[in-house]
Structure formats: C-alpha cells, structure tokens
C-alpha cells in the first residue's frame, strides 16, 4: 500500500458542513483506494485556531496546504492527492463573513494560496489590499459594471473602494476593521470577476 497522505480537517462540534466534509474524505478514501491519514482538529479547542478560522469551517488541508474550504468533492480530493492538481476555485460560491476584529490579517503562504486560487487580474499590494483595473469601451459600460459591483457589495455586506472613470473601473478591497486582508476579500473579488 502507498504511503499515507495526511489530510487535516479543521472542524467544530455540531457542524453539518463539517460532517459532510468528513464523509466526503472517507468516500474518497474508499472509492479511489487512497491511503489517507485523517486528522480532525476542533478549532474551538484552540484560541489561535478559533481566531484564525472564526465560523469559516470546515477547512481541509492536504499534506500541509489548504486544499478545500466549506465543501469537498471526493473526486476533487482524489485528484489533489494523486496528482497535486489544484482544486477548482470555489471562492465565488462562498459567502463573505463579517469581520468582528481581533483576527490577524492574512500573510505569507495563506495569502499566496488565495491569490493563486483567485487567478489572473487581481494583485495583492503590500500584503494589505487587493487591486484590479477593468477597462470598458465607454463610460456607460463602466458605470453599469460599477452598479453590478455595488449590488454584490450590498448583498455580501462587504464594500470595496471603487474608482470610476471614463472606460475604466479600479477596485481596491481589504477588510477595514483589521486594516488588512481576510478570506472574505478574496471571495468578494471572485464574485466581482463573475459579473464582468
């Protein structure tokens, strides 16, 4: 049998999504004959983990790197374990979680992983905020895009800085409460990309 791959499930008690994630991991193990060493970590048992993940669980790490958040499909997990393939981004399907403060801003490897998942166009500026410029053929289309972004921001309760000019919209996103980046900033950016 092949060497076991460490899969860490960050979870909490009475979490239906966490239970589904655990079932998907076990299904991947059985269906795809994977040798998985599952480690479950209750984030409520550790103050640092509770601050880091807040209500944003389950989170699944494969071999020490975040691979999935909220949902995991057995086939996608098998692909990641077998070939190192990056899972499809699910950021746009997630919901922004209001920041209550006291959470450290994302830095280092976590920040880079989310930047890669978000894809082209957005850039992380000084580990502080996300920025992207969008171009349009005229003012009317730039304004229409700005209004779509505004609708998303209201729906998510997370508001970017929007700079509108003739044929151009520049967007900056960060979590003002902690003066830095959280996962919700990347979720908002992915949602904005979906309405271009």
C-alpha atoms as a PDB file:
ATOM      1  CA  UNK A   1       0.000   0.000   0.000  1.00  0.00           C
ATOM      2  CA  UNK A   2       1.234   3.504  -0.771  1.00  0.00           C
ATOM      3  CA  UNK A   3       2.417   5.892   1.902  1.00  0.00           C
ATOM      4  CA  UNK A   4      -0.397   7.622   3.794  1.00  0.00           C
ATOM      5  CA  UNK A   5      -1.253  11.197   2.842  1.00  0.00           C
ATOM      6  CA  UNK A   6      -2.028  13.453   5.765  1.00  0.00           C
ATOM      7  CA  UNK A   7      -5.417  15.146   5.459  1.00  0.00           C
ATOM      8  CA  UNK A   8      -6.319  17.598   8.223  1.00  0.00           C
ATOM      9  CA  UNK A   9      -9.946  18.534   8.735  1.00  0.00           C
ATOM     10  CA  UNK A  10     -10.436  21.729  10.744  1.00  0.00           C
ATOM     11  CA  UNK A  11     -13.897  21.345  12.202  1.00  0.00           C
ATOM     12  CA  UNK A  12     -16.140  22.067  15.162  1.00  0.00           C
ATOM     13  CA  UNK A  13     -18.918  20.251  17.003  1.00  0.00           C
ATOM     14  CA  UNK A  14     -22.464  20.327  15.625  1.00  0.00           C
ATOM     15  CA  UNK A  15     -21.350  21.489  12.161  1.00  0.00           C
ATOM     16  CA  UNK A  16     -23.331  19.847   9.361  1.00  0.00           C
ATOM     17  CA  UNK A  17     -20.885  21.022   6.657  1.00  0.00           C
ATOM     18  CA  UNK A  18     -18.026  19.558   8.719  1.00  0.00           C
ATOM     19  CA  UNK A  19     -19.818  16.214   8.930  1.00  0.00           C
ATOM     20  CA  UNK A  20     -20.374  16.239   5.152  1.00  0.00           C
ATOM     21  CA  UNK A  21     -16.704  17.067   4.540  1.00  0.00           C
ATOM     22  CA  UNK A  22     -15.615  14.154   6.736  1.00  0.00           C
ATOM     23  CA  UNK A  23     -17.979  11.812   4.855  1.00  0.00           C
ATOM     24  CA  UNK A  24     -16.558  13.050   1.517  1.00  0.00           C
ATOM     25  CA  UNK A  25     -12.992  12.396   2.713  1.00  0.00           C
ATOM     26  CA  UNK A  26     -13.926   8.853   3.778  1.00  0.00           C
ATOM     27  CA  UNK A  27     -15.764   8.344   0.458  1.00  0.00           C
ATOM     28  CA  UNK A  28     -12.659   9.451  -1.483  1.00  0.00           C
ATOM     29  CA  UNK A  29     -10.573   7.020   0.561  1.00  0.00           C
ATOM     30  CA  UNK A  30     -12.905   4.130  -0.251  1.00  0.00           C
ATOM     31  CA  UNK A  31     -13.887   4.946  -3.848  1.00  0.00           C
ATOM     32  CA  UNK A  32     -10.391   5.827  -5.061  1.00  0.00           C
ATOM     33  CA  UNK A  33      -8.442   3.416  -2.806  1.00  0.00           C
ATOM     34  CA  UNK A  34      -6.475   6.196  -1.170  1.00  0.00           C
ATOM     35  CA  UNK A  35      -4.329   5.797   1.925  1.00  0.00           C
ATOM     36  CA  UNK A  36      -5.461   8.808   3.963  1.00  0.00           C
ATOM     37  CA  UNK A  37      -4.326   9.603   7.476  1.00  0.00           C
ATOM     38  CA  UNK A  38      -7.203  11.816   8.645  1.00  0.00           C
ATOM     39  CA  UNK A  39      -6.517  14.215  11.473  1.00  0.00           C
ATOM     40  CA  UNK A  40      -9.522  16.092  12.850  1.00  0.00           C
ATOM     41  CA  UNK A  41      -8.888  19.354  14.695  1.00  0.00           C
ATOM     42  CA  UNK A  42     -11.691  21.088  16.594  1.00  0.00           C
ATOM     43  CA  UNK A  43     -10.989  24.814  16.142  1.00  0.00           C
ATOM     44  CA  UNK A  44     -12.943  25.629  19.306  1.00  0.00           C
ATOM     45  CA  UNK A  45     -10.311  23.805  21.367  1.00  0.00           C
ATOM     46  CA  UNK A  46      -7.577  26.274  20.402  1.00  0.00           C
ATOM     47  CA  UNK A  47      -7.857  30.062  20.779  1.00  0.00           C
ATOM     48  CA  UNK A  48      -5.489  30.721  17.854  1.00  0.00           C
ATOM     49  CA  UNK A  49      -7.400  28.409  15.504  1.00  0.00           C
ATOM     50  CA  UNK A  50     -10.743  29.839  16.595  1.00  0.00           C
ATOM     51  CA  UNK A  51      -9.456  33.355  15.830  1.00  0.00           C
ATOM     52  CA  UNK A  52      -7.975  32.213  12.519  1.00  0.00           C
ATOM     53  CA  UNK A  53     -10.995  30.321  11.185  1.00  0.00           C
ATOM     54  CA  UNK A  54     -13.855  32.058  13.093  1.00  0.00           C
ATOM     55  CA  UNK A  55     -17.031  30.455  11.680  1.00  0.00           C
ATOM     56  CA  UNK A  56     -15.302  29.608   8.412  1.00  0.00           C
ATOM     57  CA  UNK A  57     -15.163  25.789   8.712  1.00  0.00           C
ATOM     58  CA  UNK A  58     -14.713  23.091   7.552  1.00  0.00           C
ATOM     59  CA  UNK A  59     -11.250  23.644   6.106  1.00  0.00           C
ATOM     60  CA  UNK A  60      -9.346  20.733   4.594  1.00  0.00           C
ATOM     61  CA  UNK A  61      -5.543  20.657   4.330  1.00  0.00           C
ATOM     62  CA  UNK A  62      -3.768  18.056   2.217  1.00  0.00           C
ATOM     63  CA  UNK A  63      -0.105  17.414   3.045  1.00  0.00           C
ATOM     64  CA  UNK A  64       0.096  20.678   4.975  1.00  0.00           C
ATOM     65  CA  UNK A  65      -1.522  23.042   2.420  1.00  0.00           C
ATOM     66  CA  UNK A  66      -5.097  24.279   2.283  1.00  0.00           C
ATOM     67  CA  UNK A  67      -6.966  22.480  -0.480  1.00  0.00           C
ATOM     68  CA  UNK A  68     -10.679  22.984   0.247  1.00  0.00           C
ATOM     69  CA  UNK A  69     -12.943  25.153   2.317  1.00  0.00           C
ATOM     70  CA  UNK A  70     -16.612  24.506   3.188  1.00  0.00           C
ATOM     71  CA  UNK A  71     -17.112  21.703   0.659  1.00  0.00           C
ATOM     72  CA  UNK A  72     -15.034  18.885  -0.776  1.00  0.00           C
ATOM     73  CA  UNK A  73     -15.921  16.502  -3.562  1.00  0.00           C
ATOM     74  CA  UNK A  74     -14.398  13.004  -3.277  1.00  0.00           C
ATOM     75  CA  UNK A  75     -13.138  13.070  -6.889  1.00  0.00           C
ATOM     76  CA  UNK A  76     -11.524  16.517  -6.466  1.00  0.00           C
ATOM     77  CA  UNK A  77      -9.823  15.325  -3.273  1.00  0.00           C
ATOM     78  CA  UNK A  78      -8.531  12.221  -5.077  1.00  0.00           C
ATOM     79  CA  UNK A  79      -7.170  14.421  -7.902  1.00  0.00           C
ATOM     80  CA  UNK A  80      -5.329  16.630  -5.421  1.00  0.00           C
ATOM     81  CA  UNK A  81      -3.859  13.647  -3.566  1.00  0.00           C
ATOM     82  CA  UNK A  82      -2.860  11.710  -6.684  1.00  0.00           C
ATOM     83  CA  UNK A  83      -1.554  14.391  -8.948  1.00  0.00           C
ATOM     84  CA  UNK A  84      -1.231  17.525  -6.937  1.00  0.00           C
ATOM     85  CA  UNK A  85      -3.877  19.135  -9.136  1.00  0.00           C
ATOM     86  CA  UNK A  86      -5.234  22.356  -7.733  1.00  0.00           C
ATOM     87  CA  UNK A  87      -8.927  22.096  -6.824  1.00  0.00           C
ATOM     88  CA  UNK A  88     -11.362  24.250  -8.744  1.00  0.00           C
ATOM     89  CA  UNK A  89     -11.831  27.592  -7.064  1.00  0.00           C
ATOM     90  CA  UNK A  90     -14.977  27.810  -5.022  1.00  0.00           C
ATOM     91  CA  UNK A  91     -14.396  31.360  -3.822  1.00  0.00           C
ATOM     92  CA  UNK A  92     -17.251  32.856  -5.855  1.00  0.00           C
ATOM     93  CA  UNK A  93     -19.711  30.374  -4.343  1.00  0.00           C
ATOM     94  CA  UNK A  94     -18.759  31.253  -0.762  1.00  0.00           C
ATOM     95  CA  UNK A  95     -20.319  33.947   1.408  1.00  0.00           C
ATOM     96  CA  UNK A  96     -18.404  36.868   2.879  1.00  0.00           C
ATOM     97  CA  UNK A  97     -18.198  36.603   6.658  1.00  0.00           C
ATOM     98  CA  UNK A  98     -18.303  39.888   8.567  1.00  0.00           C
ATOM     99  CA  UNK A  99     -15.099  40.573  10.460  1.00  0.00           C
ATOM    100  CA  UNK A 100     -15.522  41.296  14.157  1.00  0.00           C
ATOM    101  CA  UNK A 101     -11.931  42.404  14.571  1.00  0.00           C
ATOM    102  CA  UNK A 102      -9.226  40.733  16.592  1.00  0.00           C
ATOM    103  CA  UNK A 103      -8.372  38.427  13.658  1.00  0.00           C
ATOM    104  CA  UNK A 104      -4.859  38.738  12.243  1.00  0.00           C
ATOM    105  CA  UNK A 105      -4.669  39.706   8.556  1.00  0.00           C
ATOM    106  CA  UNK A 106      -3.611  37.015   6.112  1.00  0.00           C
ATOM    107  CA  UNK A 107       0.117  36.820   5.438  1.00  0.00           C
ATOM    108  CA  UNK A 108       2.649  34.606   3.737  1.00  0.00           C
ATOM    109  CA  UNK A 109       1.655  31.180   2.396  1.00  0.00           C
ATOM    110  CA  UNK A 110      -2.062  31.536   3.112  1.00  0.00           C
ATOM    111  CA  UNK A 111      -2.162  34.835   1.244  1.00  0.00           C
ATOM    112  CA  UNK A 112      -0.248  33.411  -1.731  1.00  0.00           C
ATOM    113  CA  UNK A 113      -2.516  30.364  -1.920  1.00  0.00           C
ATOM    114  CA  UNK A 114      -5.627  32.540  -2.101  1.00  0.00           C
ATOM    115  CA  UNK A 115      -4.014  34.831  -4.667  1.00  0.00           C
ATOM    116  CA  UNK A 116      -3.272  31.796  -6.876  1.00  0.00           C
ATOM    117  CA  UNK A 117      -6.808  30.489  -6.415  1.00  0.00           C
ATOM    118  CA  UNK A 118      -8.287  33.842  -7.396  1.00  0.00           C
ATOM    119  CA  UNK A 119      -6.416  33.803 -10.677  1.00  0.00           C
ATOM    120  CA  UNK A 120      -5.234  36.466 -13.093  1.00  0.00           C
ATOM    121  CA  UNK A 121      -6.025  40.150 -12.952  1.00  0.00           C
ATOM    122  CA  UNK A 122      -6.044  40.768  -9.220  1.00  0.00           C
ATOM    123  CA  UNK A 123      -2.849  41.636  -7.405  1.00  0.00           C
ATOM    124  CA  UNK A 124      -2.043  41.733  -3.720  1.00  0.00           C
ATOM    125  CA  UNK A 125      -0.480  45.077  -2.833  1.00  0.00           C
ATOM    126  CA  UNK A 126       1.966  45.043   0.107  1.00  0.00           C
ATOM    127  CA  UNK A 127       0.006  42.225   1.814  1.00  0.00           C
ATOM    128  CA  UNK A 128      -2.581  44.931   2.575  1.00  0.00           C
ATOM    129  CA  UNK A 129      -5.202  45.014  -0.176  1.00  0.00           C
ATOM    130  CA  UNK A 130      -6.347  43.541  -3.476  1.00  0.00           C
ATOM    131  CA  UNK A 131      -6.437  45.722  -6.568  1.00  0.00           C
ATOM    132  CA  UNK A 132      -7.639  45.292 -10.130  1.00  0.00           C
ATOM    133  CA  UNK A 133      -8.380  47.628 -13.024  1.00  0.00           C
ATOM    134  CA  UNK A 134     -11.148  46.836 -15.505  1.00  0.00           C
ATOM    135  CA  UNK A 135     -11.456  48.554 -18.906  1.00  0.00           C
ATOM    136  CA  UNK A 136     -14.596  49.188 -20.923  1.00  0.00           C
ATOM    137  CA  UNK A 137     -15.316  50.787 -24.308  1.00  0.00           C
ATOM    138  CA  UNK A 138     -17.173  53.750 -22.792  1.00  0.00           C
ATOM    139  CA  UNK A 139     -18.427  55.426 -19.642  1.00  0.00           C
ATOM    140  CA  UNK A 140     -21.874  53.796 -19.748  1.00  0.00           C
ATOM    141  CA  UNK A 141     -20.478  50.253 -19.597  1.00  0.00           C
ATOM    142  CA  UNK A 142     -18.017  51.197 -16.859  1.00  0.00           C
ATOM    143  CA  UNK A 143     -20.902  52.676 -14.861  1.00  0.00           C
ATOM    144  CA  UNK A 144     -23.094  49.589 -15.430  1.00  0.00           C
ATOM    145  CA  UNK A 145     -20.264  47.365 -14.154  1.00  0.00           C
ATOM    146  CA  UNK A 146     -19.820  49.648 -11.131  1.00  0.00           C
ATOM    147  CA  UNK A 147     -23.518  49.249 -10.337  1.00  0.00           C
ATOM    148  CA  UNK A 148     -23.249  45.436 -10.574  1.00  0.00           C
ATOM    149  CA  UNK A 149     -20.284  45.527  -8.194  1.00  0.00           C
ATOM    150  CA  UNK A 150     -22.298  47.751  -5.847  1.00  0.00           C
ATOM    151  CA  UNK A 151     -25.146  45.225  -5.818  1.00  0.00           C
ATOM    152  CA  UNK A 152     -22.763  42.395  -4.941  1.00  0.00           C
ATOM    153  CA  UNK A 153     -21.178  44.503  -2.197  1.00  0.00           C
ATOM    154  CA  UNK A 154     -24.568  45.235  -0.642  1.00  0.00           C
ATOM    155  CA  UNK A 155     -25.619  41.591  -0.863  1.00  0.00           C
ATOM    156  CA  UNK A 156     -22.380  40.432   0.774  1.00  0.00           C
ATOM    157  CA  UNK A 157     -22.182  43.263   3.326  1.00  0.00           C
ATOM    158  CA  UNK A 158     -18.587  43.846   2.224  1.00  0.00           C
ATOM    159  CA  UNK A 159     -17.748  47.060   0.392  1.00  0.00           C
ATOM    160  CA  UNK A 160     -14.743  47.762  -1.853  1.00  0.00           C
ATOM    161  CA  UNK A 161     -13.314  51.124  -2.806  1.00  0.00           C
ATOM    162  CA  UNK A 162     -14.460  51.767  -6.385  1.00  0.00           C
ATOM    163  CA  UNK A 163     -12.800  54.361  -8.639  1.00  0.00           C
ATOM    164  CA  UNK A 164     -14.863  55.119 -11.766  1.00  0.00           C
ATOM    165  CA  UNK A 165     -13.507  56.989 -14.801  1.00  0.00           C
ATOM    166  CA  UNK A 166     -14.348  57.069 -18.491  1.00  0.00           C
ATOM    167  CA  UNK A 167     -13.974  53.464 -19.680  1.00  0.00           C
ATOM    168  CA  UNK A 168     -12.209  52.310 -16.533  1.00  0.00           C
ATOM    169  CA  UNK A 169     -13.071  50.984 -13.085  1.00  0.00           C
ATOM    170  CA  UNK A 170     -10.386  50.321 -10.478  1.00  0.00           C
ATOM    171  CA  UNK A 171     -11.338  48.321  -7.404  1.00  0.00           C
ATOM    172  CA  UNK A 172      -9.479  48.014  -4.112  1.00  0.00           C
ATOM    173  CA  UNK A 173     -10.587  45.520  -1.477  1.00  0.00           C
ATOM    174  CA  UNK A 174      -9.464  44.979   2.090  1.00  0.00           C
ATOM    175  CA  UNK A 175     -11.042  44.442   5.479  1.00  0.00           C
ATOM    176  CA  UNK A 176     -11.025  47.874   7.070  1.00  0.00           C
ATOM    177  CA  UNK A 177     -11.685  46.559  10.585  1.00  0.00           C
ATOM    178  CA  UNK A 178      -8.255  44.871  10.681  1.00  0.00           C
ATOM    179  CA  UNK A 179      -6.554  47.059   8.035  1.00  0.00           C
ATOM    180  CA  UNK A 180      -5.537  44.017   6.021  1.00  0.00           C
ATOM    181  CA  UNK A 181      -6.778  41.028   4.027  1.00  0.00           C
ATOM    182  CA  UNK A 182      -9.153  38.238   5.044  1.00  0.00           C
ATOM    183  CA  UNK A 183     -10.637  35.372   3.039  1.00  0.00           C
ATOM    184  CA  UNK A 184     -13.783  37.459   2.528  1.00  0.00           C
ATOM    185  CA  UNK A 185     -11.785  39.943   0.451  1.00  0.00           C
ATOM    186  CA  UNK A 186     -10.864  37.167  -1.993  1.00  0.00           C
ATOM    187  CA  UNK A 187     -14.454  35.901  -2.022  1.00  0.00           C
ATOM    188  CA  UNK A 188     -15.676  39.378  -2.969  1.00  0.00           C
ATOM    189  CA  UNK A 189     -13.031  39.656  -5.719  1.00  0.00           C
ATOM    190  CA  UNK A 190     -14.129  36.297  -7.177  1.00  0.00           C
ATOM    191  CA  UNK A 191     -17.762  37.395  -7.118  1.00  0.00           C
ATOM    192  CA  UNK A 192     -16.824  40.623  -8.920  1.00  0.00           C
ATOM    193  CA  UNK A 193     -14.993  38.596 -11.583  1.00  0.00           C
ATOM    194  CA  UNK A 194     -18.197  36.635 -12.182  1.00  0.00           C
ATOM    195  CA  UNK A 195     -20.097  39.762 -13.354  1.00  0.00           C
ATOM    196  CA  UNK A 196     -17.556  41.174 -15.822  1.00  0.00           C
END
